[in-house]
Amino acid sequence: MLLTSFQRTIIISALLLFGQSSWSATVLVAVAANFSKPMTDIAAEFEKVTGHSAKLSFGSSGKFVAQMENGGPFEVFLSADEKGPEKLEQADLTVPNTRFVYALGKLVLWSSKPGYVDDQGKILTTGGYKHLALADPKLAPYGAAAVEVLKKMKLFDKLSPLFVQGENIAQTYQFISTANAELGFVALSQVIENGKIANGSGWIIPDNQYAPIRQGAVLMKKGAENPAAPALINYLKSAPALAIIKKYGYDLAN
């Protein structure tokens, strides 16, 4: 029986719709807290394009590594550094040749008070504040970068009694946004809007003041058989995803 062009179109459309619903799946993703805003946007676009969904969990990279070393369920890991994915790779918990750098992070000295932090960070030396927030440098790469900046400025010993440490960069942001700390170090992605620092004041710290924050992603072996997991890894490298990453102030790896 010969089919008309209209009939063929209907059948193909039905097959595509059936195929998408049959193959759509959900991937469990561990995401470094600094990347929560862009990843939320990326996940929404990923679902529109592929039909797959991503269930996102946000937290400190160090804690996620410990969870996955002990059998945690995550299928894709987006870390705030390269060390976490490398460690999991060495433990044979990842799919070979899937690790890559998805973003280069930027550190900001930020206050929720407009005009409080100058654009060169001189307030660090002039003082007048009682609390300086940063993420735990043992768990969070942005916290380690903050310590590096303070040591380079020869201010670490002087200011360390004022430290208020967050478990991750999200908690650190909360300390500052609620005025429990007058200022502190956060990720640019947390405070950027339309290319500028919003809702307060800040100093975007020059890249030469700290080691590059190379944020690594990797496909875990737990996700090898889930079609949504490698699909997400591939989507993170796509032009739409890269545009979102840049929108939130990150640089892209070469």
Protein backbone atom coordinates (compact mmCIF):
# COMPACT_ATOMS: atom_id res chain seq x y z
CA MET A 1 0.00 0.00 0.00
CA LEU A 2 1.41 3.37 -1.01
CA LEU A 3 1.26 6.12 1.61
CA THR A 4 0.58 9.73 0.84
CA SER A 5 3.10 12.35 1.90
CA PHE A 6 0.73 13.48 4.66
CA GLN A 7 0.36 9.92 5.99
CA ARG A 8 4.13 9.42 6.02
CA THR A 9 4.56 12.68 7.94
CA ILE A 10 2.01 11.59 10.55
CA ILE A 11 3.68 8.18 10.99
CA ILE A 12 7.19 9.67 11.30
CA SER A 13 5.99 12.25 13.81
CA ALA A 14 4.33 9.55 15.89
CA LEU A 15 7.47 7.41 15.83
CA LEU A 16 9.63 10.34 16.92
CA LEU A 17 7.25 11.17 19.73
CA PHE A 18 7.08 7.56 20.85
CA GLY A 19 10.85 7.21 20.64
CA GLN A 20 11.47 10.27 22.76
CA SER A 21 9.03 9.20 25.47
CA SER A 22 10.39 5.65 25.43
CA TRP A 23 14.00 6.71 25.74
CA SER A 24 13.63 9.74 27.98
CA ALA A 25 15.36 9.25 31.31
CA THR A 26 16.51 11.17 34.37
CA VAL A 27 20.16 11.67 35.27
CA LEU A 28 21.30 12.31 38.85
CA VAL A 29 23.82 15.15 38.86
CA ALA A 30 26.11 16.37 41.65
CA VAL A 31 26.82 20.05 41.02
CA ALA A 32 29.30 22.35 42.77
CA ALA A 33 27.35 25.06 44.60
CA ASN A 34 28.92 27.89 42.59
CA PHE A 35 27.39 26.48 39.40
CA SER A 36 23.81 26.23 40.67
CA LYS A 37 22.34 29.11 38.62
CA PRO A 38 23.84 28.22 35.24
CA MET A 39 23.22 24.52 35.71
CA THR A 40 19.56 25.13 36.51
CA ASP A 41 19.23 26.99 33.22
CA ILE A 42 21.22 24.35 31.33
CA ALA A 43 19.09 21.52 32.74
CA ALA A 44 15.91 23.24 31.56
CA GLU A 45 17.26 23.62 28.02
CA PHE A 46 18.65 20.09 28.07
CA GLU A 47 15.18 18.72 28.78
CA LYS A 48 13.62 20.77 25.98
CA VAL A 49 16.15 19.54 23.44
CA THR A 50 16.59 15.90 24.43
CA GLY A 51 13.49 14.93 26.41
CA HIS A 52 15.78 13.77 29.22
CA SER A 53 15.64 15.43 32.63
CA ALA A 54 18.38 16.19 35.14
CA LYS A 55 17.87 15.93 38.90
CA LEU A 56 20.35 18.37 40.40
CA SER A 57 21.96 18.27 43.84
CA PHE A 58 24.10 21.25 44.89
CA GLY A 59 26.87 21.24 47.48
CA SER A 60 30.60 21.24 48.14
CA SER A 61 32.81 19.37 45.70
CA GLY A 62 34.79 17.75 48.49
CA LYS A 63 31.69 16.28 50.13
CA PHE A 64 30.40 15.00 46.80
CA VAL A 65 33.68 13.20 46.16
CA ALA A 66 33.48 11.52 49.57
CA GLN A 67 29.88 10.46 48.90
CA MET A 68 30.73 8.95 45.52
CA GLU A 69 33.74 7.15 46.92
CA ASN A 70 31.30 5.52 49.34
CA GLY A 71 28.76 4.48 46.73
CA GLY A 72 26.78 7.69 46.25
CA PRO A 73 24.17 7.53 43.48
CA PHE A 74 25.33 10.36 41.24
CA GLU A 75 25.80 9.66 37.54
CA VAL A 76 27.39 12.95 36.43
CA PHE A 77 29.66 15.14 38.54
CA LEU A 78 30.27 18.84 37.94
CA SER A 79 33.01 19.85 40.33
CA ALA A 80 34.42 23.24 41.31
CA ASP A 81 37.91 21.94 40.51
CA GLU A 82 39.74 19.26 38.56
CA LYS A 83 41.02 17.38 41.59
CA GLY A 84 37.68 15.80 42.51
CA PRO A 85 36.99 14.24 39.10
CA GLU A 86 40.63 13.16 38.85
CA LYS A 87 40.42 11.44 42.23
CA LEU A 88 37.27 9.57 41.21
CA GLU A 89 38.92 8.65 37.91
CA GLN A 90 41.92 7.21 39.74
CA ALA A 91 39.52 5.17 41.90
CA ASP A 92 38.07 3.66 38.69
CA LEU A 93 34.63 5.11 39.39
CA THR A 94 34.31 7.08 36.14
CA VAL A 95 33.83 6.23 32.47
CA PRO A 96 37.25 6.53 30.77
CA ASN A 97 37.94 9.57 28.61
CA THR A 98 34.88 11.53 29.76
CA ARG A 99 36.55 14.04 32.09
CA PHE A 100 36.84 17.62 30.79
CA VAL A 101 36.94 21.23 32.01
CA TYR A 102 33.54 22.81 31.50
CA ALA A 103 34.23 26.28 32.97
CA LEU A 104 36.87 28.56 34.48
CA GLY A 105 35.58 30.16 37.66
CA LYS A 106 36.02 33.76 38.81
CA LEU A 107 36.34 34.94 42.41
CA VAL A 108 34.71 38.12 43.75
CA LEU A 109 35.02 40.04 47.00
CA TRP A 110 31.38 40.98 47.56
CA SER A 111 29.10 42.78 49.98
CA SER A 112 25.33 43.02 49.90
CA LYS A 113 25.73 46.73 50.72
CA PRO A 114 25.89 49.00 47.65
CA GLY A 115 29.11 51.01 47.56
CA TYR A 116 30.72 49.07 50.41
CA VAL A 117 33.37 47.17 48.41
CA ASP A 118 35.48 49.32 46.08
CA ASP A 119 36.52 48.07 42.64
CA GLN A 120 40.10 47.39 43.78
CA GLY A 121 39.40 45.65 47.08
CA LYS A 122 41.08 48.32 49.19
CA ILE A 123 38.52 47.74 51.93
CA LEU A 124 40.45 44.60 52.87
CA THR A 125 43.28 46.80 54.12
CA THR A 126 41.27 49.75 55.43
CA GLY A 127 39.14 47.52 57.67
CA GLY A 128 36.04 48.61 59.54
CA TYR A 129 34.36 45.21 59.35
CA LYS A 130 34.02 42.43 61.91
CA HIS A 131 33.40 39.39 59.72
CA LEU A 132 34.91 38.17 56.46
CA ALA A 133 33.14 35.20 54.87
CA LEU A 134 34.75 32.51 52.74
CA ALA A 135 34.02 28.89 51.90
CA ASP A 136 35.92 26.20 53.79
CA PRO A 137 39.22 26.01 51.87
CA LYS A 138 39.56 22.31 52.69
CA LEU A 139 36.31 21.49 50.90
CA ALA A 140 35.66 24.32 48.45
CA PRO A 141 38.06 25.48 45.70
CA TYR A 142 36.69 29.02 45.88
CA GLY A 143 37.62 29.09 49.55
CA ALA A 144 41.13 27.90 48.70
CA ALA A 145 41.37 30.65 46.08
CA ALA A 146 40.30 33.23 48.66
CA VAL A 147 43.06 32.10 51.02
CA GLU A 148 45.55 32.33 48.17
CA VAL A 149 44.49 35.92 47.44
CA LEU A 150 44.80 36.97 51.08
CA LYS A 151 48.24 35.39 51.41
CA LYS A 152 49.42 37.10 48.24
CA MET A 153 48.19 40.40 49.68
CA LYS A 154 49.95 39.55 52.98
CA LEU A 155 46.65 39.90 54.83
CA PHE A 156 45.91 36.29 55.78
CA ASP A 157 47.36 36.35 59.31
CA LYS A 158 45.79 39.72 60.08
CA LEU A 159 42.30 38.84 58.81
CA SER A 160 42.01 35.14 59.71
CA PRO A 161 40.48 35.94 63.16
CA LEU A 162 37.57 37.54 61.27
CA PHE A 163 36.82 34.52 59.10
CA VAL A 164 33.30 33.10 58.92
CA GLN A 165 33.54 29.85 56.99
CA GLY A 166 30.72 28.39 54.96
CA GLU A 167 30.53 24.69 54.21
CA ASN A 168 30.28 25.64 50.53
CA ILE A 169 30.07 28.77 48.41
CA ALA A 170 26.26 28.84 48.63
CA GLN A 171 26.34 29.05 52.42
CA THR A 172 29.08 31.67 52.19
CA TYR A 173 26.87 33.77 49.92
CA GLN A 174 24.04 33.39 52.44
CA PHE A 175 26.23 34.70 55.26
CA ILE A 176 26.92 37.87 53.28
CA SER A 177 23.47 38.37 51.76
CA THR A 178 21.87 38.19 55.23
CA ALA A 179 24.49 40.61 56.64
CA ASN A 180 25.88 38.05 59.08
CA ALA A 181 29.17 39.00 57.43
CA GLU A 182 29.76 42.45 56.02
CA LEU A 183 31.70 41.09 53.06
CA GLY A 184 33.33 37.95 51.76
CA PHE A 185 34.55 35.89 48.83
CA VAL A 186 32.00 34.33 46.48
CA ALA A 187 31.77 33.16 42.88
CA LEU A 188 31.05 35.78 40.25
CA SER A 189 28.21 33.59 38.96
CA GLN A 190 26.33 34.15 42.22
CA VAL A 191 26.20 37.94 41.95
CA ILE A 192 26.33 38.72 38.22
CA GLU A 193 23.35 40.02 36.30
CA ASN A 194 23.46 41.34 32.73
CA GLY A 195 27.24 41.33 32.86
CA LYS A 196 27.51 43.42 36.04
CA ILE A 197 27.59 42.82 39.79
CA ALA A 198 24.04 43.21 41.09
CA ASN A 199 22.50 43.58 44.54
CA GLY A 200 25.48 45.04 46.30
CA SER A 201 29.08 45.94 45.50
CA GLY A 202 32.14 43.94 44.64
CA TRP A 203 35.68 43.60 43.36
CA ILE A 204 36.21 41.06 40.60
CA ILE A 205 39.61 39.77 41.64
CA PRO A 206 42.16 39.66 38.80
CA ASP A 207 42.90 36.18 37.51
CA ASN A 208 46.61 36.54 38.30
CA GLN A 209 45.88 36.72 42.03
CA TYR A 210 44.94 33.02 42.31
CA ALA A 211 45.46 29.75 40.50
CA PRO A 212 42.92 29.12 37.72
CA ILE A 213 39.69 27.60 39.03
CA ARG A 214 39.35 24.88 36.40
CA GLN A 215 36.00 23.22 36.98
CA GLY A 216 35.92 19.62 35.84
CA ALA A 217 33.03 17.39 34.82
CA VAL A 218 32.98 13.62 34.45
CA LEU A 219 30.60 10.77 33.65
CA MET A 220 30.40 8.28 36.50
CA LYS A 221 30.22 4.55 35.82
CA LYS A 222 26.86 4.56 37.61
CA GLY A 223 25.53 6.55 34.65
CA ALA A 224 27.10 4.54 31.86
CA GLU A 225 23.89 2.65 31.05
CA ASN A 226 21.58 5.64 31.52
CA PRO A 227 21.12 7.40 28.16
CA ALA A 228 20.48 10.72 29.90
CA ALA A 229 23.94 10.76 31.53
CA PRO A 230 26.19 10.79 28.42
CA ALA A 231 23.60 13.00 26.71
CA LEU A 232 24.09 15.61 29.44
CA ILE A 233 27.87 15.39 29.19
CA ASN A 234 27.59 16.05 25.45
CA TYR A 235 25.08 18.85 25.92
CA LEU A 236 27.43 20.67 28.31
CA LYS A 237 29.80 21.08 25.34
CA SER A 238 27.12 22.46 23.01
CA ALA A 239 26.88 26.09 21.88
CA PRO A 240 23.66 26.80 23.86
CA ALA A 241 25.20 25.45 27.09
CA LEU A 242 28.45 27.36 26.55
CA ALA A 243 26.46 30.55 26.01
CA ILE A 244 24.74 30.07 29.38
CA ILE A 245 28.08 29.39 31.09
CA LYS A 246 29.54 32.63 29.68
CA LYS A 247 26.38 34.56 30.63
CA TYR A 248 27.11 33.80 34.30
CA GLY A 249 30.62 35.24 34.14
CA TYR A 250 32.68 32.10 33.60
CA ASP A 251 35.46 31.82 31.06
CA LEU A 252 35.65 28.79 28.81
CA ALA A 253 38.55 26.37 28.74
CA ASN A 254 40.71 26.36 25.63
